[in-house]
Amino acid sequence: MKRAALALALLLSPMGNMSLGAAGASSAVFQSGSAVFYGGRAAQGTVMTAAHRSLPFGTWVRVTHSGTGRSVDVMVNDRGPFGNSRRIIDLSRSAAASLGILAQGVAPVTLRILSRP
């Protein structure tokens, strides 16, 4: 019984504060935390991509810098970030440059789901 409750909680936790509209796009903030620039293999040669721990590959997300209000739309094509629970998304170099976070490498952001695969 405890395992079933834990499994249910884990399945629902990434979607706990998300409200989906008719088209499957989120009208509310999905997640808040820190974004970090990464240069992994999945980011090489791509324009606006990101890594997220739980969103399905192909999901489009709007990442908004909480300090500046700048935003960028990215597609999830990798898994991560790992090791720091406050970091919620890894951005490709071009996405990080659009947000203006290349110099500091990390920034406070909010995520909104635009579309799911």
PDB file of N, CA and C in Angstrom:
ATOM      1  N   MET A   1       0.822  -1.191   0.000  1.00  0.00           N
ATOM      2  CA  MET A   1       0.000   0.000   0.000  1.00  0.00           C
ATOM      3  C   MET A   1       0.869   1.260   0.000  1.00  0.00           C
ATOM      4  N   LYS A   2       1.933   1.243   0.823  1.00  0.00           N
ATOM      5  CA  LYS A   2       2.818   2.404   0.873  1.00  0.00           C
ATOM      6  C   LYS A   2       3.519   2.610  -0.467  1.00  0.00           C
ATOM      7  N   ARG A   3       3.895   1.501  -1.113  1.00  0.00           N
ATOM      8  CA  ARG A   3       4.553   1.607  -2.416  1.00  0.00           C
ATOM      9  C   ARG A   3       3.620   2.211  -3.458  1.00  0.00           C
ATOM     10  N   ALA A   4       2.369   1.799  -3.431  1.00  0.00           N
ATOM     11  CA  ALA A   4       1.399   2.336  -4.388  1.00  0.00           C
ATOM     12  C   ALA A   4       1.186   3.826  -4.165  1.00  0.00           C
ATOM     13  N   ALA A   5       1.105   4.238  -2.919  1.00  0.00           N
ATOM     14  CA  ALA A   5       0.922   5.661  -2.605  1.00  0.00           C
ATOM     15  C   ALA A   5       2.148   6.461  -3.030  1.00  0.00           C
ATOM     16  N   LEU A   6       3.337   5.906  -2.791  1.00  0.00           N
ATOM     17  CA  LEU A   6       4.567   6.583  -3.190  1.00  0.00           C
ATOM     18  C   LEU A   6       4.652   6.698  -4.711  1.00  0.00           C
ATOM     19  N   ALA A   7       4.320   5.624  -5.411  1.00  0.00           N
ATOM     20  CA  ALA A   7       4.354   5.649  -6.873  1.00  0.00           C
ATOM     21  C   ALA A   7       3.378   6.686  -7.424  1.00  0.00           C
ATOM     22  N   LEU A   8       2.198   6.751  -6.851  1.00  0.00           N
ATOM     23  CA  LEU A   8       1.210   7.738  -7.286  1.00  0.00           C
ATOM     24  C   LEU A   8       1.700   9.157  -7.025  1.00  0.00           C
ATOM     25  N   ALA A   9       2.297   9.375  -5.867  1.00  0.00           N
ATOM     26  CA  ALA A   9       2.821  10.707  -5.535  1.00  0.00           C
ATOM     27  C   ALA A   9       3.939  11.107  -6.492  1.00  0.00           C
ATOM     28  N   LEU A  10       4.812  10.168  -6.840  1.00  0.00           N
ATOM     29  CA  LEU A  10       5.906  10.463  -7.768  1.00  0.00           C
ATOM     30  C   LEU A  10       5.392  10.757  -9.173  1.00  0.00           C
ATOM     31  N   LEU A  11       4.357  10.046  -9.582  1.00  0.00           N
ATOM     32  CA  LEU A  11       3.791  10.289 -10.900  1.00  0.00           C
ATOM     33  C   LEU A  11       3.117  11.646 -10.999  1.00  0.00           C
ATOM     34  N   LEU A  12       2.488  12.078  -9.943  1.00  0.00           N
ATOM     35  CA  LEU A  12       1.740  13.331  -9.964  1.00  0.00           C
ATOM     36  C   LEU A  12       2.565  14.546  -9.599  1.00  0.00           C
ATOM     37  N   SER A  13       3.691  14.368  -8.914  1.00  0.00           N
ATOM     38  CA  SER A  13       4.453  15.513  -8.416  1.00  0.00           C
ATOM     39  C   SER A  13       4.949  16.471  -9.496  1.00  0.00           C
ATOM     40  N   PRO A  14       5.463  16.046 -10.660  1.00  0.00           N
ATOM     41  CA  PRO A  14       5.904  17.032 -11.641  1.00  0.00           C
ATOM     42  C   PRO A  14       4.759  17.863 -12.207  1.00  0.00           C
ATOM     43  N   MET A  15       3.530  17.360 -12.093  1.00  0.00           N
ATOM     44  CA  MET A  15       2.390  18.056 -12.651  1.00  0.00           C
ATOM     45  C   MET A  15       1.548  18.737 -11.588  1.00  0.00           C
ATOM     46  N   GLY A  16       2.035  18.780 -10.371  1.00  0.00           N
ATOM     47  CA  GLY A  16       1.244  19.283  -9.259  1.00  0.00           C
ATOM     48  C   GLY A  16       0.747  20.695  -9.401  1.00  0.00           C
ATOM     49  N   ASN A  17       1.539  21.610  -9.956  1.00  0.00           N
ATOM     50  CA  ASN A  17       1.102  22.995 -10.061  1.00  0.00           C
ATOM     51  C   ASN A  17       0.897  23.418 -11.505  1.00  0.00           C
ATOM     52  N   MET A  18       0.535  22.474 -12.362  1.00  0.00           N
ATOM     53  CA  MET A  18       0.360  22.769 -13.770  1.00  0.00           C
ATOM     54  C   MET A  18      -1.117  22.684 -14.119  1.00  0.00           C
ATOM     55  N   SER A  19      -1.633  23.680 -14.837  1.00  0.00           N
ATOM     56  CA  SER A  19      -2.996  23.612 -15.335  1.00  0.00           C
ATOM     57  C   SER A  19      -2.938  23.625 -16.850  1.00  0.00           C
ATOM     58  N   LEU A  20      -3.553  22.637 -17.466  1.00  0.00           N
ATOM     59  CA  LEU A  20      -3.485  22.505 -18.912  1.00  0.00           C
ATOM     60  C   LEU A  20      -4.751  23.036 -19.550  1.00  0.00           C
ATOM     61  N   GLY A  21      -4.592  23.793 -20.616  1.00  0.00           N
ATOM     62  CA  GLY A  21      -5.724  24.285 -21.378  1.00  0.00           C
ATOM     63  C   GLY A  21      -6.175  23.244 -22.378  1.00  0.00           C
ATOM     64  N   ALA A  22      -7.099  23.620 -23.236  1.00  0.00           N
ATOM     65  CA  ALA A  22      -7.666  22.690 -24.202  1.00  0.00           C
ATOM     66  C   ALA A  22      -6.623  22.173 -25.182  1.00  0.00           C
ATOM     67  N   ALA A  23      -5.654  22.982 -25.528  1.00  0.00           N
ATOM     68  CA  ALA A  23      -4.640  22.569 -26.497  1.00  0.00           C
ATOM     69  C   ALA A  23      -3.473  21.852 -25.843  1.00  0.00           C
ATOM     70  N   GLY A  24      -3.513  21.628 -24.542  1.00  0.00           N
ATOM     71  CA  GLY A  24      -2.431  20.957 -23.854  1.00  0.00           C
ATOM     72  C   GLY A  24      -1.329  21.899 -23.428  1.00  0.00           C
ATOM     73  N   ALA A  25      -1.515  23.184 -23.615  1.00  0.00           N
ATOM     74  CA  ALA A  25      -0.508  24.165 -23.210  1.00  0.00           C
ATOM     75  C   ALA A  25      -0.847  24.687 -21.828  1.00  0.00           C
ATOM     76  N   SER A  26       0.169  24.996 -21.080  1.00  0.00           N
ATOM     77  CA  SER A  26      -0.033  25.477 -19.723  1.00  0.00           C
ATOM     78  C   SER A  26      -0.268  26.973 -19.720  1.00  0.00           C
ATOM     79  N   SER A  27      -1.248  27.390 -18.941  1.00  0.00           N
ATOM     80  CA  SER A  27      -1.507  28.821 -18.813  1.00  0.00           C
ATOM     81  C   SER A  27      -0.886  29.362 -17.536  1.00  0.00           C
ATOM     82  N   ALA A  28      -0.329  28.485 -16.724  1.00  0.00           N
ATOM     83  CA  ALA A  28       0.266  28.893 -15.449  1.00  0.00           C
ATOM     84  C   ALA A  28       1.732  28.485 -15.411  1.00  0.00           C
ATOM     85  N   VAL A  29       2.436  29.015 -14.449  1.00  0.00           N
ATOM     86  CA  VAL A  29       3.833  28.644 -14.255  1.00  0.00           C
ATOM     87  C   VAL A  29       3.890  27.163 -13.893  1.00  0.00           C
ATOM     88  N   PHE A  30       4.695  26.419 -14.615  1.00  0.00           N
ATOM     89  CA  PHE A  30       4.851  24.989 -14.370  1.00  0.00           C
ATOM     90  C   PHE A  30       5.859  24.738 -13.264  1.00  0.00           C
ATOM     91  N   GLN A  31       6.957  25.491 -13.277  1.00  0.00           N
ATOM     92  CA  GLN A  31       8.038  25.250 -12.332  1.00  0.00           C
ATOM     93  C   GLN A  31       8.883  26.512 -12.189  1.00  0.00           C
ATOM     94  N   SER A  32       9.429  26.719 -11.004  1.00  0.00           N
ATOM     95  CA  SER A  32      10.343  27.833 -10.753  1.00  0.00           C
ATOM     96  C   SER A  32      11.618  27.287 -10.138  1.00  0.00           C
ATOM     97  N   GLY A  33      12.736  27.886 -10.487  1.00  0.00           N
ATOM     98  CA  GLY A  33      14.026  27.450  -9.957  1.00  0.00           C
ATOM     99  C   GLY A  33      15.147  28.127 -10.715  1.00  0.00           C
ATOM    100  N   SER A  34      16.244  27.415 -10.897  1.00  0.00           N
ATOM    101  CA  SER A  34      17.407  27.979 -11.585  1.00  0.00           C
ATOM    102  C   SER A  34      17.634  27.282 -12.918  1.00  0.00           C
ATOM    103  N   ALA A  35      18.016  28.082 -13.900  1.00  0.00           N
ATOM    104  CA  ALA A  35      18.444  27.546 -15.194  1.00  0.00           C
ATOM    105  C   ALA A  35      19.956  27.648 -15.245  1.00  0.00           C
ATOM    106  N   VAL A  36      20.565  26.705 -15.943  1.00  0.00           N
ATOM    107  CA  VAL A  36      22.013  26.700 -16.069  1.00  0.00           C
ATOM    108  C   VAL A  36      22.364  26.451 -17.533  1.00  0.00           C
ATOM    109  N   PHE A  37      23.468  27.020 -17.982  1.00  0.00           N
ATOM    110  CA  PHE A  37      23.972  26.787 -19.332  1.00  0.00           C
ATOM    111  C   PHE A  37      24.753  25.483 -19.341  1.00  0.00           C
ATOM    112  N   TYR A  38      24.532  24.664 -20.356  1.00  0.00           N
ATOM    113  CA  TYR A  38      25.316  23.439 -20.492  1.00  0.00           C
ATOM    114  C   TYR A  38      25.742  23.267 -21.936  1.00  0.00           C
ATOM    115  N   GLY A  39      26.763  22.494 -22.133  1.00  0.00           N
ATOM    116  CA  GLY A  39      27.270  22.270 -23.483  1.00  0.00           C
ATOM    117  C   GLY A  39      27.348  20.801 -23.810  1.00  0.00           C
ATOM    118  N   GLY A  40      26.375  20.031 -23.375  1.00  0.00           N
ATOM    119  CA  GLY A  40      26.378  18.590 -23.594  1.00  0.00           C
ATOM    120  C   GLY A  40      26.228  18.214 -25.060  1.00  0.00           C
ATOM    121  N   ARG A  41      26.376  16.922 -25.350  1.00  0.00           N
ATOM    122  CA  ARG A  41      26.304  16.435 -26.729  1.00  0.00           C
ATOM    123  C   ARG A  41      24.976  16.764 -27.384  1.00  0.00           C
ATOM    124  N   ALA A  42      23.876  16.654 -26.633  1.00  0.00           N
ATOM    125  CA  ALA A  42      22.561  16.916 -27.214  1.00  0.00           C
ATOM    126  C   ALA A  42      22.391  18.388 -27.573  1.00  0.00           C
ATOM    127  N   ALA A  43      23.201  19.258 -27.006  1.00  0.00           N
ATOM    128  CA  ALA A  43      23.085  20.695 -27.278  1.00  0.00           C
ATOM    129  C   ALA A  43      23.957  21.143 -28.440  1.00  0.00           C
ATOM    130  N   GLN A  44      24.898  20.318 -28.854  1.00  0.00           N
ATOM    131  CA  GLN A  44      25.828  20.719 -29.907  1.00  0.00           C
ATOM    132  C   GLN A  44      25.112  20.774 -31.254  1.00  0.00           C
ATOM    133  N   GLY A  45      25.274  21.886 -31.945  1.00  0.00           N
ATOM    134  CA  GLY A  45      24.687  22.026 -33.266  1.00  0.00           C
ATOM    135  C   GLY A  45      23.200  22.313 -33.249  1.00  0.00           C
ATOM    136  N   THR A  46      22.628  22.529 -32.085  1.00  0.00           N
ATOM    137  CA  THR A  46      21.205  22.820 -32.008  1.00  0.00           C
ATOM    138  C   THR A  46      21.005  24.269 -31.604  1.00  0.00           C
ATOM    139  N   VAL A  47      19.837  24.772 -31.874  1.00  0.00           N
ATOM    140  CA  VAL A  47      19.590  26.180 -31.624  1.00  0.00           C
ATOM    141  C   VAL A  47      19.006  26.392 -30.238  1.00  0.00           C
ATOM    142  N   MET A  48      17.753  26.148 -30.055  1.00  0.00           N
ATOM    143  CA  MET A  48      17.084  26.425 -28.785  1.00  0.00           C
ATOM    144  C   MET A  48      16.584  25.122 -28.172  1.00  0.00           C
ATOM    145  N   THR A  49      17.460  24.465 -27.415  1.00  0.00           N
ATOM    146  CA  THR A  49      17.097  23.204 -26.786  1.00  0.00           C
ATOM    147  C   THR A  49      17.414  23.255 -25.304  1.00  0.00           C
ATOM    148  N   ALA A  50      16.913  22.232 -24.587  1.00  0.00           N
ATOM    149  CA  ALA A  50      17.111  22.188 -23.143  1.00  0.00           C
ATOM    150  C   ALA A  50      17.031  20.754 -22.647  1.00  0.00           C
ATOM    151  N   ALA A  51      17.521  20.566 -21.430  1.00  0.00           N
ATOM    152  CA  ALA A  51      17.406  19.287 -20.738  1.00  0.00           C
ATOM    153  C   ALA A  51      16.534  19.504 -19.510  1.00  0.00           C
ATOM    154  N   HIS A  52      15.598  18.576 -19.284  1.00  0.00           N
ATOM    155  CA  HIS A  52      14.711  18.634 -18.125  1.00  0.00           C
ATOM    156  C   HIS A  52      14.593  17.226 -17.562  1.00  0.00           C
ATOM    157  N   ARG A  53      14.422  17.115 -16.252  1.00  0.00           N
ATOM    158  CA  ARG A  53      14.383  15.797 -15.604  1.00  0.00           C
ATOM    159  C   ARG A  53      13.172  14.962 -15.993  1.00  0.00           C
ATOM    160  N   SER A  54      11.994  15.579 -16.152  1.00  0.00           N
ATOM    161  CA  SER A  54      10.787  14.769 -16.299  1.00  0.00           C
ATOM    162  C   SER A  54       9.914  15.087 -17.503  1.00  0.00           C
ATOM    163  N   LEU A  55      10.052  16.238 -18.122  1.00  0.00           N
ATOM    164  CA  LEU A  55       9.195  16.559 -19.266  1.00  0.00           C
ATOM    165  C   LEU A  55       9.534  15.659 -20.447  1.00  0.00           C
ATOM    166  N   PRO A  56       8.522  15.216 -21.198  1.00  0.00           N
ATOM    167  CA  PRO A  56       8.778  14.351 -22.351  1.00  0.00           C
ATOM    168  C   PRO A  56       9.610  15.065 -23.415  1.00  0.00           C
ATOM    169  N   PHE A  57      10.449  14.292 -24.112  1.00  0.00           N
ATOM    170  CA  PHE A  57      11.203  14.851 -25.227  1.00  0.00           C
ATOM    171  C   PHE A  57      10.219  15.421 -26.247  1.00  0.00           C
ATOM    172  N   GLY A  58      10.571  16.559 -26.822  1.00  0.00           N
ATOM    173  CA  GLY A  58       9.698  17.201 -27.792  1.00  0.00           C
ATOM    174  C   GLY A  58       8.766  18.241 -27.186  1.00  0.00           C
ATOM    175  N   THR A  59       8.764  18.367 -25.857  1.00  0.00           N
ATOM    176  CA  THR A  59       7.941  19.380 -25.195  1.00  0.00           C
ATOM    177  C   THR A  59       8.563  20.753 -25.404  1.00  0.00           C
ATOM    178  N   TRP A  60       7.733  21.737 -25.765  1.00  0.00           N
ATOM    179  CA  TRP A  60       8.192  23.122 -25.902  1.00  0.00           C
ATOM    180  C   TRP A  60       7.874  23.872 -24.632  1.00  0.00           C
ATOM    181  N   VAL A  61       8.875  24.582 -24.112  1.00  0.00           N
ATOM    182  CA  VAL A  61       8.766  25.284 -22.836  1.00  0.00           C
ATOM    183  C   VAL A  61       9.214  26.733 -23.023  1.00  0.00           C
ATOM    184  N   ARG A  62       8.492  27.664 -22.401  1.00  0.00           N
ATOM    185  CA  ARG A  62       8.942  29.066 -22.363  1.00  0.00           C
ATOM    186  C   ARG A  62       9.692  29.270 -21.056  1.00  0.00           C
ATOM    187  N   VAL A  63      10.961  29.640 -21.164  1.00  0.00           N
ATOM    188  CA  VAL A  63      11.817  29.899 -20.009  1.00  0.00           C
ATOM    189  C   VAL A  63      11.925  31.413 -19.859  1.00  0.00           C
ATOM    190  N   THR A  64      11.516  31.938 -18.697  1.00  0.00           N
ATOM    191  CA  THR A  64      11.550  33.377 -18.452  1.00  0.00           C
ATOM    192  C   THR A  64      12.509  33.683 -17.315  1.00  0.00           C
ATOM    193  N   HIS A  65      13.460  34.567 -17.578  1.00  0.00           N
ATOM    194  CA  HIS A  65      14.427  35.005 -16.561  1.00  0.00           C
ATOM    195  C   HIS A  65      13.666  35.858 -15.550  1.00  0.00           C
ATOM    196  N   SER A  66      13.643  35.448 -14.306  1.00  0.00           N
ATOM    197  CA  SER A  66      12.881  36.146 -13.267  1.00  0.00           C
ATOM    198  C   SER A  66      13.415  37.541 -12.985  1.00  0.00           C
ATOM    199  N   GLY A  67      14.695  37.764 -13.195  1.00  0.00           N
ATOM    200  CA  GLY A  67      15.291  39.064 -12.907  1.00  0.00           C
ATOM    201  C   GLY A  67      15.116  40.092 -14.003  1.00  0.00           C
ATOM    202  N   THR A  68      15.160  39.643 -15.262  1.00  0.00           N
ATOM    203  CA  THR A  68      15.116  40.588 -16.382  1.00  0.00           C
ATOM    204  C   THR A  68      13.815  40.552 -17.169  1.00  0.00           C
ATOM    205  N   GLY A  69      13.061  39.470 -17.049  1.00  0.00           N
ATOM    206  CA  GLY A  69      11.834  39.331 -17.824  1.00  0.00           C
ATOM    207  C   GLY A  69      12.057  38.798 -19.229  1.00  0.00           C
ATOM    208  N   ARG A  70      13.317  38.605 -19.626  1.00  0.00           N
ATOM    209  CA  ARG A  70      13.611  38.047 -20.947  1.00  0.00           C
ATOM    210  C   ARG A  70      13.158  36.599 -20.991  1.00  0.00           C
ATOM    211  N   SER A  71      12.671  36.159 -22.161  1.00  0.00           N
ATOM    212  CA  SER A  71      12.226  34.775 -22.272  1.00  0.00           C
ATOM    213  C   SER A  71      12.683  34.173 -23.589  1.00  0.00           C
ATOM    214  N   VAL A  72      12.713  32.847 -23.603  1.00  0.00           N
ATOM    215  CA  VAL A  72      13.114  32.091 -24.780  1.00  0.00           C
ATOM    216  C   VAL A  72      12.294  30.804 -24.796  1.00  0.00           C
ATOM    217  N   ASP A  73      11.906  30.362 -25.987  1.00  0.00           N
ATOM    218  CA  ASP A  73      11.184  29.105 -26.147  1.00  0.00           C
ATOM    219  C   ASP A  73      12.181  28.027 -26.545  1.00  0.00           C
ATOM    220  N   VAL A  74      12.168  26.917 -25.807  1.00  0.00           N
ATOM    221  CA  VAL A  74      13.113  25.829 -26.052  1.00  0.00           C
ATOM    222  C   VAL A  74      12.374  24.507 -26.156  1.00  0.00           C
ATOM    223  N   MET A  75      12.996  23.549 -26.849  1.00  0.00           N
ATOM    224  CA  MET A  75      12.452  22.205 -26.936  1.00  0.00           C
ATOM    225  C   MET A  75      13.291  21.269 -26.071  1.00  0.00           C
ATOM    226  N   VAL A  76      12.628  20.447 -25.280  1.00  0.00           N
ATOM    227  CA  VAL A  76      13.319  19.478 -24.427  1.00  0.00           C
ATOM    228  C   VAL A  76      13.803  18.323 -25.299  1.00  0.00           C
ATOM    229  N   ASN A  77      15.125  18.086 -25.293  1.00  0.00           N
ATOM    230  CA  ASN A  77      15.687  16.985 -26.076  1.00  0.00           C
ATOM    231  C   ASN A  77      16.728  16.182 -25.300  1.00  0.00           C
ATOM    232  N   ASP A  78      16.787  16.396 -23.980  1.00  0.00           N
ATOM    233  CA  ASP A  78      17.796  15.718 -23.168  1.00  0.00           C
ATOM    234  C   ASP A  78      17.301  15.650 -21.728  1.00  0.00           C
ATOM    235  N   ARG A  79      17.977  14.879 -20.894  1.00  0.00           N
ATOM    236  CA  ARG A  79      17.655  14.767 -19.467  1.00  0.00           C
ATOM    237  C   ARG A  79      18.680  15.520 -18.637  1.00  0.00           C
ATOM    238  N   GLY A  80      18.234  16.091 -17.546  1.00  0.00           N
ATOM    239  CA  GLY A  80      19.097  16.834 -16.637  1.00  0.00           C
ATOM    240  C   GLY A  80      18.304  17.998 -16.097  1.00  0.00           C
ATOM    241  N   PRO A  81      18.850  18.835 -15.328  1.00  0.00           N
ATOM    242  CA  PRO A  81      20.170  18.777 -14.697  1.00  0.00           C
ATOM    243  C   PRO A  81      20.156  17.826 -13.509  1.00  0.00           C
ATOM    244  N   PHE A  82      21.300  17.300 -13.186  1.00  0.00           N
ATOM    245  CA  PHE A  82      21.421  16.375 -12.065  1.00  0.00           C
ATOM    246  C   PHE A  82      22.429  16.917 -11.069  1.00  0.00           C
ATOM    247  N   GLY A  83      22.261  16.582  -9.807  1.00  0.00           N
ATOM    248  CA  GLY A  83      23.225  16.963  -8.785  1.00  0.00           C
ATOM    249  C   GLY A  83      22.831  18.147  -7.938  1.00  0.00           C
ATOM    250  N   ASN A  84      21.993  19.041  -8.446  1.00  0.00           N
ATOM    251  CA  ASN A  84      21.569  20.208  -7.677  1.00  0.00           C
ATOM    252  C   ASN A  84      20.066  20.354  -7.851  1.00  0.00           C
ATOM    253  N   SER A  85      19.312  20.129  -6.786  1.00  0.00           N
ATOM    254  CA  SER A  85      17.853  20.101  -6.882  1.00  0.00           C
ATOM    255  C   SER A  85      17.239  21.457  -7.201  1.00  0.00           C
ATOM    256  N   ARG A  86      17.972  22.546  -6.995  1.00  0.00           N
ATOM    257  CA  ARG A  86      17.432  23.875  -7.313  1.00  0.00           C
ATOM    258  C   ARG A  86      17.498  24.179  -8.803  1.00  0.00           C
ATOM    259  N   ARG A  87      18.344  23.466  -9.517  1.00  0.00           N
ATOM    260  CA  ARG A  87      18.452  23.668 -10.962  1.00  0.00           C
ATOM    261  C   ARG A  87      17.385  22.828 -11.650  1.00  0.00           C
ATOM    262  N   ILE A  88      16.520  23.489 -12.402  1.00  0.00           N
ATOM    263  CA  ILE A  88      15.373  22.795 -12.985  1.00  0.00           C
ATOM    264  C   ILE A  88      15.504  22.569 -14.483  1.00  0.00           C
ATOM    265  N   ILE A  89      16.400  23.298 -15.141  1.00  0.00           N
ATOM    266  CA  ILE A  89      16.545  23.146 -16.590  1.00  0.00           C
ATOM    267  C   ILE A  89      17.968  23.514 -17.006  1.00  0.00           C
ATOM    268  N   ASP A  90      18.503  22.739 -17.953  1.00  0.00           N
ATOM    269  CA  ASP A  90      19.800  23.027 -18.573  1.00  0.00           C
ATOM    270  C   ASP A  90      19.517  23.601 -19.953  1.00  0.00           C
ATOM    271  N   LEU A  91      20.110  24.731 -20.282  1.00  0.00           N
ATOM    272  CA  LEU A  91      19.865  25.388 -21.562  1.00  0.00           C
ATOM    273  C   LEU A  91      21.046  25.236 -22.509  1.00  0.00           C
ATOM    274  N   SER A  92      20.751  25.145 -23.804  1.00  0.00           N
ATOM    275  CA  SER A  92      21.817  25.158 -24.806  1.00  0.00           C
ATOM    276  C   SER A  92      22.479  26.531 -24.812  1.00  0.00           C
ATOM    277  N   ARG A  93      23.641  26.617 -25.437  1.00  0.00           N
ATOM    278  CA  ARG A  93      24.391  27.873 -25.457  1.00  0.00           C
ATOM    279  C   ARG A  93      23.567  29.013 -26.066  1.00  0.00           C
ATOM    280  N   SER A  94      22.897  28.746 -27.181  1.00  0.00           N
ATOM    281  CA  SER A  94      22.136  29.812 -27.836  1.00  0.00           C
ATOM    282  C   SER A  94      20.935  30.251 -27.002  1.00  0.00           C
ATOM    283  N   ALA A  95      20.290  29.322 -26.315  1.00  0.00           N
ATOM    284  CA  ALA A  95      19.165  29.685 -25.447  1.00  0.00           C
ATOM    285  C   ALA A  95      19.657  30.502 -24.255  1.00  0.00           C
ATOM    286  N   ALA A  96      20.784  30.094 -23.680  1.00  0.00           N
ATOM    287  CA  ALA A  96      21.358  30.835 -22.551  1.00  0.00           C
ATOM    288  C   ALA A  96      21.780  32.236 -22.983  1.00  0.00           C
ATOM    289  N   ALA A  97      22.316  32.358 -24.192  1.00  0.00           N
ATOM    290  CA  ALA A  97      22.707  33.674 -24.699  1.00  0.00           C
ATOM    291  C   ALA A  97      21.484  34.569 -24.880  1.00  0.00           C
ATOM    292  N   SER A  98      20.384  34.004 -25.371  1.00  0.00           N
ATOM    293  CA  SER A  98      19.158  34.784 -25.547  1.00  0.00           C
ATOM    294  C   SER A  98      18.611  35.299 -24.223  1.00  0.00           C
ATOM    295  N   LEU A  99      18.801  34.518 -23.167  1.00  0.00           N
ATOM    296  CA  LEU A  99      18.358  34.955 -21.837  1.00  0.00           C
ATOM    297  C   LEU A  99      19.367  35.882 -21.173  1.00  0.00           C
ATOM    298  N   GLY A 100      20.577  35.923 -21.708  1.00  0.00           N
ATOM    299  CA  GLY A 100      21.616  36.775 -21.139  1.00  0.00           C
ATOM    300  C   GLY A 100      22.276  36.192 -19.911  1.00  0.00           C
ATOM    301  N   ILE A 101      22.416  34.850 -19.878  1.00  0.00           N
ATOM    302  CA  ILE A 101      22.999  34.222 -18.683  1.00  0.00           C
ATOM    303  C   ILE A 101      24.332  33.530 -18.953  1.00  0.00           C
ATOM    304  N   LEU A 102      24.937  33.764 -20.105  1.00  0.00           N
ATOM    305  CA  LEU A 102      26.218  33.106 -20.391  1.00  0.00           C
ATOM    306  C   LEU A 102      27.300  33.513 -19.400  1.00  0.00           C
ATOM    307  N   ALA A 103      27.360  34.767 -19.038  1.00  0.00           N
ATOM    308  CA  ALA A 103      28.422  35.249 -18.144  1.00  0.00           C
ATOM    309  C   ALA A 103      28.312  34.640 -16.757  1.00  0.00           C
ATOM    310  N   GLN A 104      27.121  34.662 -16.162  1.00  0.00           N
ATOM    311  CA  GLN A 104      26.971  34.128 -14.809  1.00  0.00           C
ATOM    312  C   GLN A 104      26.742  32.617 -14.801  1.00  0.00           C
ATOM    313  N   GLY A 105      26.238  32.053 -15.893  1.00  0.00           N
ATOM    314  CA  GLY A 105      26.070  30.608 -15.995  1.00  0.00           C
ATOM    315  C   GLY A 105      24.825  30.045 -15.355  1.00  0.00           C
ATOM    316  N   VAL A 106      24.210  30.764 -14.440  1.00  0.00           N
ATOM    317  CA  VAL A 106      23.005  30.293 -13.764  1.00  0.00           C
ATOM    318  C   VAL A 106      22.116  31.498 -13.473  1.00  0.00           C
ATOM    319  N   ALA A 107      20.790  31.287 -13.524  1.00  0.00           N
ATOM    320  CA  ALA A 107      19.865  32.399 -13.289  1.00  0.00           C
ATOM    321  C   ALA A 107      18.523  31.874 -12.791  1.00  0.00           C
ATOM    322  N   PRO A 108      17.787  32.688 -12.027  1.00  0.00           N
ATOM    323  CA  PRO A 108      16.446  32.296 -11.584  1.00  0.00           C
ATOM    324  C   PRO A 108      15.466  32.398 -12.755  1.00  0.00           C
ATOM    325  N   VAL A 109      14.654  31.347 -12.942  1.00  0.00           N
ATOM    326  CA  VAL A 109      13.717  31.314 -14.065  1.00  0.00           C
ATOM    327  C   VAL A 109      12.384  30.705 -13.650  1.00  0.00           C
ATOM    328  N   THR A 110      11.393  30.922 -14.515  1.00  0.00           N
ATOM    329  CA  THR A 110      10.126  30.201 -14.422  1.00  0.00           C
ATOM    330  C   THR A 110       9.906  29.492 -15.747  1.00  0.00           C
ATOM    331  N   LEU A 111       9.213  28.357 -15.696  1.00  0.00           N
ATOM    332  CA  LEU A 111       8.920  27.576 -16.892  1.00  0.00           C
ATOM    333  C   LEU A 111       7.419  27.521 -17.118  1.00  0.00           C
ATOM    334  N   ARG A 112       7.020  27.678 -18.367  1.00  0.00           N
ATOM    335  CA  ARG A 112       5.633  27.486 -18.789  1.00  0.00           C
ATOM    336  C   ARG A 112       5.647  26.508 -19.959  1.00  0.00           C
ATOM    337  N   ILE A 113       4.774  25.525 -19.910  1.00  0.00           N
ATOM    338  CA  ILE A 113       4.697  24.555 -20.999  1.00  0.00           C
ATOM    339  C   ILE A 113       3.888  25.172 -22.132  1.00  0.00           C
ATOM    340  N   LEU A 114       4.465  25.175 -23.326  1.00  0.00           N
ATOM    341  CA  LEU A 114       3.785  25.703 -24.506  1.00  0.00           C
ATOM    342  C   LEU A 114       3.059  24.605 -25.259  1.00  0.00           C
ATOM    343  N   SER A 115       3.725  23.455 -25.443  1.00  0.00           N
ATOM    344  CA  SER A 115       3.086  22.321 -26.114  1.00  0.00           C
ATOM    345  C   SER A 115       3.807  21.039 -25.740  1.00  0.00           C
ATOM    346  N   ARG A 116       3.052  19.965 -25.797  1.00  0.00           N
ATOM    347  CA  ARG A 116       3.596  18.634 -25.522  1.00  0.00           C
ATOM    348  C   ARG A 116       3.571  17.819 -26.805  1.00  0.00           C
ATOM    349  N   PRO A 117       4.462  16.843 -26.917  1.00  0.00           N
ATOM    350  CA  PRO A 117       4.496  16.024 -28.144  1.00  0.00           C
ATOM    351  C   PRO A 117       3.246  15.177 -28.299  1.00  0.00           C
TER     352      PRO A 117
END
